[in-house]
Amino acid sequence: MRNVVKADLHLHTVYSDGANRPEEYVKEALRRGFNIISITDHDTFKGSLQAIKFVKESKIDNIIIVPGAEVRTNIGDILVYCIDVQEDDFPRDVDELADWASDRNCILVPAHPLDIFRHGIGLSNLLRYSWKIVEVYNGGILLPLLNEITYAIARRLSLSCIGNSDAHHISSMGSCYTLIKIDEPNVESVIQSMILGLTEPRAEGYGRRVSKKLKSVFIRRILRTSL
């Protein structure tokens, strides 16, 4: 029987442009009922490495740290999730990054893809490449309605959907998150469940409520003209 676990897989720390240390995110995650997190600092696994080290040294056994990074590619920002921490030798070309990830048992997930003001890959690249998973809800999105449009497009394309806070401070953690059904409490099971689509993205707050009211007609028009 699969367990449903709460996850936030897009967090930034002092190892890139965040305000808090990885250890603080681990403690905050446990306090707020998150048993899966990923530190996804820009272009580095250093934050993930520190979080994993802290969990091991503190003998914490009720949280899973998914090694991650947010890589700035030639088409936009891509979240990279791996079973093990990797060297920071990412190719910046998205096709080369896909090969790099395949060789290392990693997966690629477009971050806030429609938010082109924050280096999202854009609609054309969302449709062009063979993504398996998409970040549909992002807590740092400039226009919350874009979350709903991304979600509708991803569902239309039968892609696995995740939601993340994109927090740069622990106070923002969990503004968007994902419920993941996992078989075993380990990174391999988390990544496999993401690939299989055993995920339910969630978003909180005013922006989510407004977006739900506005989305129907607007999204239908987008889908008719783009897909």
Protein backbone atom coordinates (compact mmCIF):
# COMPACT_ATOMS: atom_id res chain seq x y z
CA MET A 1 0.00 0.00 0.00
CA ARG A 2 1.37 3.39 -0.99
CA ASN A 3 1.79 6.17 1.54
CA VAL A 4 0.78 9.73 0.67
CA VAL A 5 3.58 12.12 1.63
CA LYS A 6 3.75 15.92 1.50
CA ALA A 7 6.61 17.36 -0.55
CA ASP A 8 8.12 20.72 -1.47
CA LEU A 9 10.74 20.14 -4.15
CA HIS A 10 11.88 23.66 -5.06
CA LEU A 11 13.71 25.49 -2.26
CA HIS A 12 16.61 27.98 -2.36
CA THR A 13 19.21 28.51 0.35
CA VAL A 14 22.30 30.57 1.05
CA TYR A 15 24.14 28.36 -1.44
CA SER A 16 22.50 30.46 -4.18
CA ASP A 17 20.06 33.33 -3.60
CA GLY A 18 18.06 32.13 -0.60
CA ALA A 19 18.04 33.62 2.90
CA ASN A 20 18.24 30.44 4.98
CA ARG A 21 20.56 27.51 5.41
CA PRO A 22 19.56 23.96 4.33
CA GLU A 23 19.44 22.87 7.98
CA GLU A 24 16.76 25.45 8.67
CA TYR A 25 14.60 24.10 5.85
CA VAL A 26 14.92 20.57 7.21
CA LYS A 27 13.76 21.69 10.65
CA GLU A 28 10.93 23.78 9.21
CA ALA A 29 9.80 20.94 6.97
CA LEU A 30 9.51 18.57 9.91
CA ARG A 31 7.69 21.18 11.96
CA ARG A 32 5.13 21.68 9.21
CA GLY A 33 4.58 18.07 8.21
CA PHE A 34 6.70 17.87 5.07
CA ASN A 35 8.52 14.54 4.80
CA ILE A 36 10.05 15.14 1.37
CA ILE A 37 12.00 18.23 0.32
CA SER A 38 14.56 19.15 -2.29
CA ILE A 39 17.06 21.97 -2.02
CA THR A 40 17.31 23.25 -5.58
CA ASP A 41 19.85 26.04 -5.49
CA HIS A 42 20.76 27.68 -8.77
CA ASP A 43 23.30 25.64 -10.74
CA THR A 44 24.59 23.70 -7.73
CA PHE A 45 23.92 20.62 -5.61
CA LYS A 46 25.74 22.14 -2.63
CA GLY A 47 22.55 22.97 -0.74
CA SER A 48 21.23 19.44 -1.22
CA LEU A 49 24.54 17.98 -0.11
CA GLN A 50 24.50 20.03 3.09
CA ALA A 51 20.88 19.06 3.85
CA ILE A 52 21.67 15.36 3.38
CA LYS A 53 24.76 15.68 5.58
CA PHE A 54 22.75 17.41 8.31
CA VAL A 55 20.03 14.73 8.26
CA LYS A 56 22.60 11.94 8.53
CA GLU A 57 24.62 13.60 11.29
CA SER A 58 21.47 14.44 13.24
CA LYS A 59 20.12 10.89 12.73
CA ILE A 60 16.82 12.19 11.41
CA ASP A 61 14.92 9.31 9.82
CA ASN A 62 11.54 10.79 8.93
CA ILE A 63 12.45 13.07 6.04
CA ILE A 64 13.62 12.34 2.50
CA ILE A 65 16.02 14.78 0.84
CA VAL A 66 15.85 14.55 -2.95
CA PRO A 67 19.15 15.82 -4.42
CA GLY A 68 18.30 18.72 -6.69
CA ALA A 69 19.37 21.88 -8.46
CA GLU A 70 17.77 24.52 -10.70
CA VAL A 71 19.81 24.81 -13.87
CA ARG A 72 19.72 27.84 -16.16
CA THR A 73 19.70 26.32 -19.66
CA ASN A 74 19.66 27.89 -23.10
CA ILE A 75 15.85 27.75 -23.09
CA GLY A 76 15.14 28.57 -19.44
CA ASP A 77 15.21 27.17 -15.91
CA ILE A 78 15.03 23.41 -15.44
CA LEU A 79 14.79 21.55 -12.14
CA VAL A 80 17.13 18.56 -11.97
CA TYR A 81 16.35 15.77 -9.51
CA CYS A 82 18.75 12.86 -8.99
CA ILE A 83 18.97 9.74 -6.86
CA ASP A 84 22.46 10.76 -5.73
CA VAL A 85 24.18 14.13 -5.44
CA GLN A 86 26.10 14.96 -8.64
CA GLU A 87 28.96 17.21 -9.60
CA ASP A 88 27.99 20.72 -10.70
CA ASP A 89 29.04 20.03 -14.29
CA PHE A 90 25.68 20.67 -15.93
CA PRO A 91 25.56 21.31 -19.67
CA ARG A 92 23.63 24.50 -20.43
CA ASP A 93 22.22 23.21 -23.70
CA VAL A 94 18.91 21.51 -22.88
CA ASP A 95 19.49 18.58 -25.25
CA GLU A 96 22.91 17.94 -23.73
CA LEU A 97 21.41 18.31 -20.25
CA ALA A 98 18.85 15.62 -21.12
CA ASP A 99 21.66 13.23 -22.05
CA TRP A 100 23.58 14.20 -18.90
CA ALA A 101 20.52 13.45 -16.78
CA SER A 102 19.82 10.13 -18.48
CA ASP A 103 23.38 8.95 -17.85
CA ARG A 104 23.06 9.77 -14.12
CA ASN A 105 19.54 8.50 -13.33
CA CYS A 106 18.25 12.06 -13.01
CA ILE A 107 15.00 13.63 -14.20
CA LEU A 108 14.30 17.06 -15.64
CA VAL A 109 11.31 19.22 -14.74
CA PRO A 110 10.63 22.67 -16.26
CA ALA A 111 10.36 25.24 -13.47
CA HIS A 112 7.48 27.78 -13.68
CA PRO A 113 7.50 27.19 -17.48
CA LEU A 114 5.09 29.96 -18.53
CA ASP A 115 6.65 32.65 -16.35
CA ILE A 116 9.03 34.01 -18.98
CA PHE A 117 9.91 36.98 -16.76
CA ARG A 118 11.58 34.49 -14.39
CA HIS A 119 13.32 32.43 -17.06
CA GLY A 120 10.52 29.95 -17.70
CA ILE A 121 10.98 27.91 -20.88
CA GLY A 122 7.81 29.32 -22.48
CA LEU A 123 4.83 27.63 -24.10
CA SER A 124 6.61 26.70 -27.34
CA ASN A 125 9.36 24.80 -25.51
CA LEU A 126 6.84 23.21 -23.17
CA LEU A 127 5.14 21.75 -26.23
CA ARG A 128 8.29 21.06 -28.24
CA TYR A 129 10.20 18.78 -25.87
CA SER A 130 9.18 15.39 -24.48
CA TRP A 131 8.81 16.27 -20.81
CA LYS A 132 7.51 13.66 -18.40
CA ILE A 133 6.94 15.98 -15.44
CA VAL A 134 6.09 19.67 -15.20
CA GLU A 135 6.04 22.09 -12.26
CA VAL A 136 2.50 23.39 -12.70
CA TYR A 137 2.10 25.27 -9.43
CA ASN A 138 4.87 27.63 -8.35
CA GLY A 139 4.54 29.80 -5.24
CA GLY A 140 6.70 32.57 -6.67
CA ILE A 141 4.76 33.01 -9.91
CA LEU A 142 4.19 36.63 -10.90
CA LEU A 143 0.70 35.92 -12.26
CA PRO A 144 -1.04 33.06 -10.40
CA LEU A 145 -3.34 32.40 -13.36
CA LEU A 146 -0.29 31.07 -15.22
CA ASN A 147 -0.21 28.20 -12.73
CA GLU A 148 -3.70 27.16 -13.74
CA ILE A 149 -2.91 27.45 -17.45
CA THR A 150 0.21 25.34 -16.99
CA TYR A 151 -1.78 22.74 -15.08
CA ALA A 152 -4.45 22.55 -17.79
CA ILE A 153 -1.86 22.15 -20.54
CA ALA A 154 0.05 19.49 -18.59
CA ARG A 155 -3.13 17.52 -17.98
CA ARG A 156 -4.03 17.77 -21.65
CA LEU A 157 -0.59 16.36 -22.51
CA SER A 158 -0.93 13.60 -19.85
CA LEU A 159 2.15 14.81 -17.98
CA SER A 160 2.91 14.26 -14.33
CA CYS A 161 2.25 17.45 -12.35
CA ILE A 162 4.00 18.81 -9.28
CA GLY A 163 3.65 21.97 -7.21
CA ASN A 164 6.44 23.73 -5.31
CA SER A 165 6.89 26.90 -3.29
CA ASP A 166 10.12 28.08 -4.97
CA ALA A 167 10.82 29.51 -1.52
CA HIS A 168 13.80 31.81 -0.99
CA HIS A 169 12.89 32.13 2.71
CA ILE A 170 11.44 29.48 5.01
CA SER A 171 8.34 31.64 5.57
CA SER A 172 7.32 30.94 1.95
CA MET A 173 7.79 27.19 2.18
CA GLY A 174 4.66 25.22 1.32
CA SER A 175 2.79 27.98 -0.55
CA CYS A 176 2.58 25.36 -3.27
CA TYR A 177 3.40 21.71 -2.68
CA THR A 178 2.80 18.15 -3.89
CA LEU A 179 1.20 15.08 -2.38
CA ILE A 180 3.17 12.05 -3.61
CA LYS A 181 2.20 8.40 -3.27
CA ILE A 182 5.33 6.39 -2.52
CA ASP A 183 5.99 2.67 -1.96
CA GLU A 184 9.14 3.07 0.12
CA PRO A 185 10.59 6.00 2.12
CA ASN A 186 13.55 6.65 -0.16
CA VAL A 187 14.61 8.89 -3.03
CA GLU A 188 14.25 6.16 -5.65
CA SER A 189 10.60 5.66 -4.77
CA VAL A 190 9.91 9.41 -4.82
CA ILE A 191 11.40 9.85 -8.29
CA GLN A 192 9.64 6.76 -9.63
CA SER A 193 6.29 8.00 -8.30
CA MET A 194 6.87 11.37 -9.94
CA ILE A 195 7.56 9.67 -13.27
CA LEU A 196 4.43 7.51 -12.91
CA GLY A 197 2.29 10.55 -12.15
CA LEU A 198 1.42 9.50 -8.61
CA THR A 199 1.34 13.16 -7.66
CA GLU A 200 -1.25 15.75 -6.71
CA PRO A 201 -0.12 19.39 -6.89
CA ARG A 202 -1.62 21.81 -4.41
CA ALA A 203 -1.65 25.60 -4.18
CA GLU A 204 -2.73 27.80 -1.29
CA GLY A 205 -3.78 31.38 -0.75
CA TYR A 206 -5.60 34.22 -2.47
CA GLY A 207 -3.90 33.83 -5.83
CA ARG A 208 -5.14 30.26 -6.11
CA ARG A 209 -8.75 31.25 -5.40
CA VAL A 210 -8.70 34.10 -7.90
CA SER A 211 -7.09 31.91 -10.54
CA LYS A 212 -9.76 29.25 -10.21
CA LYS A 213 -12.46 31.83 -10.83
CA LEU A 214 -10.76 33.27 -13.90
CA LYS A 215 -9.36 30.18 -15.53
CA SER A 216 -12.21 28.44 -17.40
CA VAL A 217 -12.82 30.57 -20.49
CA PHE A 218 -9.23 31.82 -20.75
CA ILE A 219 -7.70 28.34 -20.55
CA ARG A 220 -10.13 26.91 -23.10
CA ARG A 221 -9.04 29.58 -25.55
CA ILE A 222 -5.35 28.89 -24.92
CA LEU A 223 -5.83 25.16 -25.41
CA ARG A 224 -7.80 25.58 -28.62
CA THR A 225 -5.15 27.78 -30.22
CA SER A 226 -1.99 26.11 -28.91
CA LEU A 227 -2.55 22.34 -28.72
